[in-house]
């Protein structure tokens, strides 16, 4: 296995817990219930962690002040999210962790996740979009998420952060992000957003990948503001054409 630079290999896992490249292959977790335990070779994960992560987070996962936070207690939930979405390794500690192609193979991700999970913390959350309701998912997403991610889940920009596109993303990664609250995103506990609402959000985001554009032109689902600007531009252009045509008719031919 090609060695991943140790300085960056696990920085985002703990950093963003304190604080969504192409989506990975979709995974469908077991039916809603308690969090799933990490699966993987713990000893192999320890070796990978020692080789690629310990110089930032320490051999005992206690973190190193000024470099990276501790990973004890973050659990499989955080480790799996940052590794599987490619937010780890980071090019430079302190930067915003952005989604990209994972640096580790799936079996290596599972092993590192299992090792980190052995020190305690929440397991990988379970989510099933088929158990959710589209209407509830749209309502909850609009209420809690659309302010940054847009109603169409296209993402965008906010102060000091790039907001990722979340439609069509692996449902498990969506559930992990909701519970963790990566970077500037706030975390949502099971008390503030229950399992059925989580399943419903996952269903809505699956629908948003290819929504029905009722009533007209989708314009790439850019959102209400740019769509409104396009509508105004088209309306003003049509108005100018009408005025020009009416002006020619009123003026008429000149007589000698």
C-alpha atoms as a PDB file:
ATOM      1  CA  UNK A   1       0.000   0.000   0.000  1.00  0.00           C
ATOM      2  CA  UNK A   2       1.327   3.428  -0.857  1.00  0.00           C
ATOM      3  CA  UNK A   3       2.092   5.400   2.269  1.00  0.00           C
ATOM      4  CA  UNK A   4      -0.150   8.405   2.931  1.00  0.00           C
ATOM      5  CA  UNK A   5       1.621  11.468   4.425  1.00  0.00           C
ATOM      6  CA  UNK A   6       1.265  11.157   8.174  1.00  0.00           C
ATOM      7  CA  UNK A   7       0.705  14.870   8.792  1.00  0.00           C
ATOM      8  CA  UNK A   8      -2.582  14.882   6.955  1.00  0.00           C
ATOM      9  CA  UNK A   9      -3.925  11.365   7.178  1.00  0.00           C
ATOM     10  CA  UNK A  10      -6.397  11.863  10.031  1.00  0.00           C
ATOM     11  CA  UNK A  11      -6.573  15.578  10.762  1.00  0.00           C
ATOM     12  CA  UNK A  12     -10.059  16.230   9.432  1.00  0.00           C
ATOM     13  CA  UNK A  13     -11.665  13.426  11.445  1.00  0.00           C
ATOM     14  CA  UNK A  14     -11.286  15.115  14.797  1.00  0.00           C
ATOM     15  CA  UNK A  15     -11.133  18.719  13.570  1.00  0.00           C
ATOM     16  CA  UNK A  16     -14.484  18.710  11.929  1.00  0.00           C
ATOM     17  CA  UNK A  17     -16.053  16.795  14.803  1.00  0.00           C
ATOM     18  CA  UNK A  18     -15.219  19.852  16.835  1.00  0.00           C
ATOM     19  CA  UNK A  19     -16.397  22.185  14.267  1.00  0.00           C
ATOM     20  CA  UNK A  20     -20.180  16.922   1.713  1.00  0.00           C
ATOM     21  CA  UNK A  21     -14.724  14.614  -6.084  1.00  0.00           C
ATOM     22  CA  UNK A  22     -17.480  12.246  -6.862  1.00  0.00           C
ATOM     23  CA  UNK A  23     -19.662  10.536  -4.291  1.00  0.00           C
ATOM     24  CA  UNK A  24     -18.568   7.090  -3.152  1.00  0.00           C
ATOM     25  CA  UNK A  25     -20.380   3.917  -4.039  1.00  0.00           C
ATOM     26  CA  UNK A  26     -23.825   3.947  -2.454  1.00  0.00           C
ATOM     27  CA  UNK A  27     -24.323   1.849   0.674  1.00  0.00           C
ATOM     28  CA  UNK A  28     -27.653   1.060   2.232  1.00  0.00           C
ATOM     29  CA  UNK A  29     -27.465   0.459   5.951  1.00  0.00           C
ATOM     30  CA  UNK A  30     -29.622  -1.922   7.906  1.00  0.00           C
ATOM     31  CA  UNK A  31     -33.120  -0.826   8.966  1.00  0.00           C
ATOM     32  CA  UNK A  32     -33.354   2.048  11.457  1.00  0.00           C
ATOM     33  CA  UNK A  33     -32.193   1.255  14.954  1.00  0.00           C
ATOM     34  CA  UNK A  34     -29.086   1.554  17.046  1.00  0.00           C
ATOM     35  CA  UNK A  35     -25.827   2.595  15.445  1.00  0.00           C
ATOM     36  CA  UNK A  36     -23.930  -0.088  13.584  1.00  0.00           C
ATOM     37  CA  UNK A  37     -20.599  -1.251  14.974  1.00  0.00           C
ATOM     38  CA  UNK A  38     -17.456  -0.840  12.919  1.00  0.00           C
ATOM     39  CA  UNK A  39     -16.336  -3.912  11.016  1.00  0.00           C
ATOM     40  CA  UNK A  40     -12.730  -4.481  10.074  1.00  0.00           C
ATOM     41  CA  UNK A  41      -9.402  -5.849  11.199  1.00  0.00           C
ATOM     42  CA  UNK A  42      -8.534  -3.818  14.298  1.00  0.00           C
ATOM     43  CA  UNK A  43      -4.891  -4.909  14.375  1.00  0.00           C
ATOM     44  CA  UNK A  44      -4.455  -4.070  10.717  1.00  0.00           C
ATOM     45  CA  UNK A  45      -6.152  -0.739  11.382  1.00  0.00           C
ATOM     46  CA  UNK A  46      -3.711  -0.066  14.210  1.00  0.00           C
ATOM     47  CA  UNK A  47      -0.788  -0.592  11.844  1.00  0.00           C
ATOM     48  CA  UNK A  48      -2.314   1.715   9.222  1.00  0.00           C
ATOM     49  CA  UNK A  49      -3.077   4.332  11.845  1.00  0.00           C
ATOM     50  CA  UNK A  50       0.457   4.167  13.246  1.00  0.00           C
ATOM     51  CA  UNK A  51       1.933   4.541   9.781  1.00  0.00           C
ATOM     52  CA  UNK A  52      -0.354   7.281   8.466  1.00  0.00           C
ATOM     53  CA  UNK A  53      -2.033   9.113  11.334  1.00  0.00           C
ATOM     54  CA  UNK A  54      -0.058   8.955  14.568  1.00  0.00           C
ATOM     55  CA  UNK A  55       2.316  11.826  13.834  1.00  0.00           C
ATOM     56  CA  UNK A  56      -0.652  14.241  14.034  1.00  0.00           C
ATOM     57  CA  UNK A  57      -3.035  12.524  16.428  1.00  0.00           C
ATOM     58  CA  UNK A  58      -0.507  10.699  18.562  1.00  0.00           C
ATOM     59  CA  UNK A  59       0.167   7.028  19.079  1.00  0.00           C
ATOM     60  CA  UNK A  60      -2.565   6.846  21.716  1.00  0.00           C
ATOM     61  CA  UNK A  61      -5.110   8.961  19.768  1.00  0.00           C
ATOM     62  CA  UNK A  62      -4.827  11.775  22.330  1.00  0.00           C
ATOM     63  CA  UNK A  63      -3.993  14.358  19.694  1.00  0.00           C
ATOM     64  CA  UNK A  64      -1.098  16.816  19.503  1.00  0.00           C
ATOM     65  CA  UNK A  65      -1.739  20.447  20.550  1.00  0.00           C
ATOM     66  CA  UNK A  66      -1.478  22.820  17.609  1.00  0.00           C
ATOM     67  CA  UNK A  67      -1.567  19.996  15.064  1.00  0.00           C
ATOM     68  CA  UNK A  68      -4.635  17.801  15.470  1.00  0.00           C
ATOM     69  CA  UNK A  69      -7.273  16.953  18.092  1.00  0.00           C
ATOM     70  CA  UNK A  70      -7.686  13.657  19.868  1.00  0.00           C
ATOM     71  CA  UNK A  71      -9.604  10.838  18.236  1.00  0.00           C
ATOM     72  CA  UNK A  72     -10.529   8.934  21.374  1.00  0.00           C
ATOM     73  CA  UNK A  73     -14.312   8.892  21.561  1.00  0.00           C
ATOM     74  CA  UNK A  74     -15.072  10.113  18.015  1.00  0.00           C
ATOM     75  CA  UNK A  75     -16.099   6.564  17.126  1.00  0.00           C
ATOM     76  CA  UNK A  76     -16.660   4.804  13.829  1.00  0.00           C
ATOM     77  CA  UNK A  77     -19.148   7.477  12.797  1.00  0.00           C
ATOM     78  CA  UNK A  78     -16.571  10.225  12.320  1.00  0.00           C
ATOM     79  CA  UNK A  79     -13.729   8.004  11.104  1.00  0.00           C
ATOM     80  CA  UNK A  80     -15.818   6.368   8.390  1.00  0.00           C
ATOM     81  CA  UNK A  81     -17.256   9.687   7.202  1.00  0.00           C
ATOM     82  CA  UNK A  82     -13.973  11.532   6.737  1.00  0.00           C
ATOM     83  CA  UNK A  83     -12.131   8.582   5.249  1.00  0.00           C
ATOM     84  CA  UNK A  84     -14.884   7.420   2.891  1.00  0.00           C
ATOM     85  CA  UNK A  85     -15.597  10.914   1.560  1.00  0.00           C
ATOM     86  CA  UNK A  86     -11.928  11.664   0.919  1.00  0.00           C
ATOM     87  CA  UNK A  87     -11.941  14.575   3.359  1.00  0.00           C
ATOM     88  CA  UNK A  88      -8.956  12.806   4.815  1.00  0.00           C
ATOM     89  CA  UNK A  89      -6.088  13.093   4.120  1.00  0.00           C
ATOM     90  CA  UNK A  90      -5.992  16.893   3.868  1.00  0.00           C
ATOM     91  CA  UNK A  91      -3.490  18.852   1.819  1.00  0.00           C
ATOM     92  CA  UNK A  92      -2.892  21.194   4.723  1.00  0.00           C
ATOM     93  CA  UNK A  93      -4.120  20.953   8.326  1.00  0.00           C
ATOM     94  CA  UNK A  94      -6.518  23.755   9.137  1.00  0.00           C
ATOM     95  CA  UNK A  95      -8.027  23.941   5.654  1.00  0.00           C
ATOM     96  CA  UNK A  96     -11.670  23.109   5.048  1.00  0.00           C
ATOM     97  CA  UNK A  97     -11.986  19.339   4.501  1.00  0.00           C
ATOM     98  CA  UNK A  98     -13.542  18.904   1.057  1.00  0.00           C
ATOM     99  CA  UNK A  99     -15.031  15.844  -0.604  1.00  0.00           C
ATOM    100  CA  UNK A 100     -12.805  14.072  -3.095  1.00  0.00           C
ATOM    101  CA  UNK A 101     -11.725  10.591  -4.110  1.00  0.00           C
ATOM    102  CA  UNK A 102     -10.825   8.534  -1.010  1.00  0.00           C
ATOM    103  CA  UNK A 103      -7.102   8.071  -0.438  1.00  0.00           C
ATOM    104  CA  UNK A 104      -7.623   4.623   1.097  1.00  0.00           C
ATOM    105  CA  UNK A 105      -9.240   1.507  -0.315  1.00  0.00           C
ATOM    106  CA  UNK A 106     -12.505   0.426   1.306  1.00  0.00           C
ATOM    107  CA  UNK A 107     -10.889  -2.419   3.253  1.00  0.00           C
ATOM    108  CA  UNK A 108      -8.299  -0.009   4.665  1.00  0.00           C
ATOM    109  CA  UNK A 109     -11.026   2.478   5.613  1.00  0.00           C
ATOM    110  CA  UNK A 110     -12.876  -0.293   7.454  1.00  0.00           C
ATOM    111  CA  UNK A 111      -9.716  -1.322   9.303  1.00  0.00           C
ATOM    112  CA  UNK A 112      -8.768   2.200  10.432  1.00  0.00           C
ATOM    113  CA  UNK A 113     -12.379   2.883  11.377  1.00  0.00           C
ATOM    114  CA  UNK A 114     -12.529  -0.282  13.473  1.00  0.00           C
ATOM    115  CA  UNK A 115      -9.318   0.657  15.274  1.00  0.00           C
ATOM    116  CA  UNK A 116     -10.495   4.184  16.090  1.00  0.00           C
ATOM    117  CA  UNK A 117     -13.895   2.807  17.145  1.00  0.00           C
ATOM    118  CA  UNK A 118     -12.179   0.466  19.622  1.00  0.00           C
ATOM    119  CA  UNK A 119     -11.453   3.568  21.739  1.00  0.00           C
ATOM    120  CA  UNK A 120     -15.169   4.316  22.096  1.00  0.00           C
ATOM    121  CA  UNK A 121     -17.684   6.626  20.506  1.00  0.00           C
ATOM    122  CA  UNK A 122     -20.806   6.375  18.315  1.00  0.00           C
ATOM    123  CA  UNK A 123     -21.063   3.713  15.660  1.00  0.00           C
ATOM    124  CA  UNK A 124     -21.928   4.205  12.002  1.00  0.00           C
ATOM    125  CA  UNK A 125     -25.565   5.389  11.910  1.00  0.00           C
ATOM    126  CA  UNK A 126     -28.219   3.322  10.205  1.00  0.00           C
ATOM    127  CA  UNK A 127     -30.389   4.914   7.528  1.00  0.00           C
ATOM    128  CA  UNK A 128     -32.908   3.569   5.040  1.00  0.00           C
ATOM    129  CA  UNK A 129     -34.346   6.022   2.468  1.00  0.00           C
ATOM    130  CA  UNK A 130     -37.106   3.554   1.594  1.00  0.00           C
ATOM    131  CA  UNK A 131     -38.460   3.904   5.134  1.00  0.00           C
ATOM    132  CA  UNK A 132     -38.646   7.692   4.840  1.00  0.00           C
ATOM    133  CA  UNK A 133     -41.377   9.964   3.470  1.00  0.00           C
ATOM    134  CA  UNK A 134     -40.598  12.333   0.609  1.00  0.00           C
ATOM    135  CA  UNK A 135     -42.802  15.159   1.900  1.00  0.00           C
ATOM    136  CA  UNK A 136     -41.315  15.024   5.390  1.00  0.00           C
ATOM    137  CA  UNK A 137     -37.801  14.854   3.978  1.00  0.00           C
ATOM    138  CA  UNK A 138     -38.375  17.935   1.832  1.00  0.00           C
ATOM    139  CA  UNK A 139     -39.872  19.844   4.766  1.00  0.00           C
ATOM    140  CA  UNK A 140     -37.060  18.963   7.191  1.00  0.00           C
ATOM    141  CA  UNK A 141     -34.335  19.619   4.618  1.00  0.00           C
ATOM    142  CA  UNK A 142     -35.895  22.957   3.688  1.00  0.00           C
ATOM    143  CA  UNK A 143     -36.183  23.948   7.357  1.00  0.00           C
ATOM    144  CA  UNK A 144     -32.727  22.891   8.556  1.00  0.00           C
ATOM    145  CA  UNK A 145     -30.427  22.525   5.558  1.00  0.00           C
ATOM    146  CA  UNK A 146     -31.554  24.565   2.546  1.00  0.00           C
ATOM    147  CA  UNK A 147     -30.190  27.813   3.971  1.00  0.00           C
ATOM    148  CA  UNK A 148     -26.709  26.587   3.036  1.00  0.00           C
ATOM    149  CA  UNK A 149     -27.205  23.626   0.690  1.00  0.00           C
ATOM    150  CA  UNK A 150     -30.128  25.183  -1.284  1.00  0.00           C
ATOM    151  CA  UNK A 151     -33.530  23.512  -1.633  1.00  0.00           C
ATOM    152  CA  UNK A 152     -32.248  21.614  -4.669  1.00  0.00           C
ATOM    153  CA  UNK A 153     -29.265  20.350  -2.598  1.00  0.00           C
ATOM    154  CA  UNK A 154     -26.793  21.850  -5.083  1.00  0.00           C
ATOM    155  CA  UNK A 155     -24.568  23.411  -2.421  1.00  0.00           C
ATOM    156  CA  UNK A 156     -22.866  26.772  -2.796  1.00  0.00           C
ATOM    157  CA  UNK A 157     -20.808  29.240  -0.775  1.00  0.00           C
ATOM    158  CA  UNK A 158     -21.213  30.714   2.678  1.00  0.00           C
ATOM    159  CA  UNK A 159     -18.880  32.833   4.800  1.00  0.00           C
ATOM    160  CA  UNK A 160     -15.538  31.043   5.186  1.00  0.00           C
ATOM    161  CA  UNK A 161     -16.768  27.779   3.687  1.00  0.00           C
ATOM    162  CA  UNK A 162     -17.707  25.952   0.525  1.00  0.00           C
ATOM    163  CA  UNK A 163     -20.995  24.107   0.927  1.00  0.00           C
ATOM    164  CA  UNK A 164     -20.992  20.718  -0.837  1.00  0.00           C
ATOM    165  CA  UNK A 165     -23.585  19.324  -3.205  1.00  0.00           C
ATOM    166  CA  UNK A 166     -25.444  16.647  -1.248  1.00  0.00           C
ATOM    167  CA  UNK A 167     -28.038  15.225  -3.611  1.00  0.00           C
ATOM    168  CA  UNK A 168     -27.253  11.713  -4.767  1.00  0.00           C
ATOM    169  CA  UNK A 169     -24.697  11.220  -1.974  1.00  0.00           C
ATOM    170  CA  UNK A 170     -24.384   7.875  -0.184  1.00  0.00           C
ATOM    171  CA  UNK A 171     -27.225   7.774   2.417  1.00  0.00           C
ATOM    172  CA  UNK A 172     -24.857   6.530   5.131  1.00  0.00           C
ATOM    173  CA  UNK A 173     -22.540   9.484   4.537  1.00  0.00           C
ATOM    174  CA  UNK A 174     -25.538  11.819   4.748  1.00  0.00           C
ATOM    175  CA  UNK A 175     -26.528  10.284   8.091  1.00  0.00           C
ATOM    176  CA  UNK A 176     -22.951  10.559   9.378  1.00  0.00           C
ATOM    177  CA  UNK A 177     -22.728  14.211   8.369  1.00  0.00           C
ATOM    178  CA  UNK A 178     -26.061  15.001  10.044  1.00  0.00           C
ATOM    179  CA  UNK A 179     -24.902  13.475  13.340  1.00  0.00           C
ATOM    180  CA  UNK A 180     -21.307  14.784  13.215  1.00  0.00           C
ATOM    181  CA  UNK A 181     -21.795  18.283  11.837  1.00  0.00           C
ATOM    182  CA  UNK A 182     -18.645  18.535   9.693  1.00  0.00           C
ATOM    183  CA  UNK A 183     -16.736  21.815   9.583  1.00  0.00           C
ATOM    184  CA  UNK A 184     -19.224  24.737   9.992  1.00  0.00           C
ATOM    185  CA  UNK A 185     -22.333  22.552   9.795  1.00  0.00           C
ATOM    186  CA  UNK A 186     -24.078  22.098  13.157  1.00  0.00           C
ATOM    187  CA  UNK A 187     -24.621  18.523  14.396  1.00  0.00           C
ATOM    188  CA  UNK A 188     -28.134  17.159  14.856  1.00  0.00           C
ATOM    189  CA  UNK A 189     -28.732  14.681  17.650  1.00  0.00           C
ATOM    190  CA  UNK A 190     -31.430  12.020  17.596  1.00  0.00           C
ATOM    191  CA  UNK A 191     -33.408  14.265  19.911  1.00  0.00           C
ATOM    192  CA  UNK A 192     -33.423  17.195  17.466  1.00  0.00           C
ATOM    193  CA  UNK A 193     -33.780  15.048  14.321  1.00  0.00           C
ATOM    194  CA  UNK A 194     -35.147  11.547  14.815  1.00  0.00           C
ATOM    195  CA  UNK A 195     -34.583   8.388  12.782  1.00  0.00           C
ATOM    196  CA  UNK A 196     -37.667   8.772  10.603  1.00  0.00           C
ATOM    197  CA  UNK A 197     -36.724  12.339   9.721  1.00  0.00           C
ATOM    198  CA  UNK A 198     -33.199  11.179   8.899  1.00  0.00           C
ATOM    199  CA  UNK A 199     -34.557   8.439   6.625  1.00  0.00           C
ATOM    200  CA  UNK A 200     -36.855  10.994   5.013  1.00  0.00           C
ATOM    201  CA  UNK A 201     -33.994  13.432   4.323  1.00  0.00           C
ATOM    202  CA  UNK A 202     -32.058  10.607   2.665  1.00  0.00           C
ATOM    203  CA  UNK A 203     -35.092   9.820   0.517  1.00  0.00           C
ATOM    204  CA  UNK A 204     -35.529  13.462  -0.483  1.00  0.00           C
ATOM    205  CA  UNK A 205     -31.868  13.795  -1.459  1.00  0.00           C
ATOM    206  CA  UNK A 206     -32.180  10.664  -3.584  1.00  0.00           C
ATOM    207  CA  UNK A 207     -35.219  12.215  -5.284  1.00  0.00           C
ATOM    208  CA  UNK A 208     -33.421  15.566  -5.724  1.00  0.00           C
ATOM    209  CA  UNK A 209     -30.828  13.865  -7.915  1.00  0.00           C
ATOM    210  CA  UNK A 210     -33.445  13.600 -10.670  1.00  0.00           C
ATOM    211  CA  UNK A 211     -36.526  15.643  -9.641  1.00  0.00           C
ATOM    212  CA  UNK A 212     -39.701  16.242 -11.601  1.00  0.00           C
ATOM    213  CA  UNK A 213     -39.656  19.734 -13.117  1.00  0.00           C
ATOM    214  CA  UNK A 214     -43.346  20.503 -13.069  1.00  0.00           C
ATOM    215  CA  UNK A 215     -44.531  23.704 -14.646  1.00  0.00           C
ATOM    216  CA  UNK A 216     -41.591  24.619 -16.797  1.00  0.00           C
ATOM    217  CA  UNK A 217     -37.883  24.839 -17.380  1.00  0.00           C
ATOM    218  CA  UNK A 218     -35.625  23.557 -14.583  1.00  0.00           C
ATOM    219  CA  UNK A 219     -32.683  25.853 -15.481  1.00  0.00           C
ATOM    220  CA  UNK A 220     -30.294  23.438 -13.837  1.00  0.00           C
ATOM    221  CA  UNK A 221     -32.040  23.799 -10.435  1.00  0.00           C
ATOM    222  CA  UNK A 222     -29.904  26.805  -9.598  1.00  0.00           C
ATOM    223  CA  UNK A 223     -32.247  28.108  -6.927  1.00  0.00           C
ATOM    224  CA  UNK A 224     -34.919  30.819  -6.659  1.00  0.00           C
ATOM    225  CA  UNK A 225     -32.640  33.882  -6.925  1.00  0.00           C
ATOM    226  CA  UNK A 226     -30.782  32.998 -10.157  1.00  0.00           C
ATOM    227  CA  UNK A 227     -33.955  31.502 -11.621  1.00  0.00           C
ATOM    228  CA  UNK A 228     -35.763  34.754 -10.831  1.00  0.00           C
ATOM    229  CA  UNK A 229     -32.996  36.745 -12.502  1.00  0.00           C
ATOM    230  CA  UNK A 230     -33.328  34.612 -15.640  1.00  0.00           C
ATOM    231  CA  UNK A 231     -37.096  35.159 -15.617  1.00  0.00           C
ATOM    232  CA  UNK A 232     -36.623  38.945 -15.320  1.00  0.00           C
ATOM    233  CA  UNK A 233     -34.077  38.982 -18.113  1.00  0.00           C
ATOM    234  CA  UNK A 234     -36.339  37.040 -20.456  1.00  0.00           C
ATOM    235  CA  UNK A 235     -39.306  39.251 -19.497  1.00  0.00           C
ATOM    236  CA  UNK A 236     -37.378  42.481 -20.091  1.00  0.00           C
ATOM    237  CA  UNK A 237     -36.088  41.208 -23.429  1.00  0.00           C
ATOM    238  CA  UNK A 238     -39.634  40.334 -24.512  1.00  0.00           C
ATOM    239  CA  UNK A 239     -40.846  43.783 -23.373  1.00  0.00           C
ATOM    240  CA  UNK A 240     -38.148  45.550 -25.416  1.00  0.00           C
ATOM    241  CA  UNK A 241     -39.129  43.566 -28.512  1.00  0.00           C
ATOM    242  CA  UNK A 242     -42.831  44.430 -28.050  1.00  0.00           C
ATOM    243  CA  UNK A 243     -42.035  48.129 -27.547  1.00  0.00           C
ATOM    244  CA  UNK A 244     -39.894  48.143 -30.678  1.00  0.00           C
ATOM    245  CA  UNK A 245     -42.639  46.548 -32.746  1.00  0.00           C
ATOM    246  CA  UNK A 246     -45.292  48.938 -31.411  1.00  0.00           C
ATOM    247  CA  UNK A 247     -43.028  51.917 -32.060  1.00  0.00           C
ATOM    248  CA  UNK A 248     -42.591  50.968 -35.706  1.00  0.00           C
ATOM    249  CA  UNK A 249     -46.358  50.688 -36.162  1.00  0.00           C
ATOM    250  CA  UNK A 250     -47.108  54.070 -34.538  1.00  0.00           C
ATOM    251  CA  UNK A 251     -44.477  55.927 -36.510  1.00  0.00           C
ATOM    252  CA  UNK A 252     -45.785  54.674 -39.887  1.00  0.00           C
ATOM    253  CA  UNK A 253     -44.624  55.910 -43.303  1.00  0.00           C
ATOM    254  CA  UNK A 254     -43.650  59.579 -43.663  1.00  0.00           C
ATOM    255  CA  UNK A 255     -45.558  61.732 -46.273  1.00  0.00           C
ATOM    256  CA  UNK A 256     -43.830  64.317 -48.487  1.00  0.00           C
END
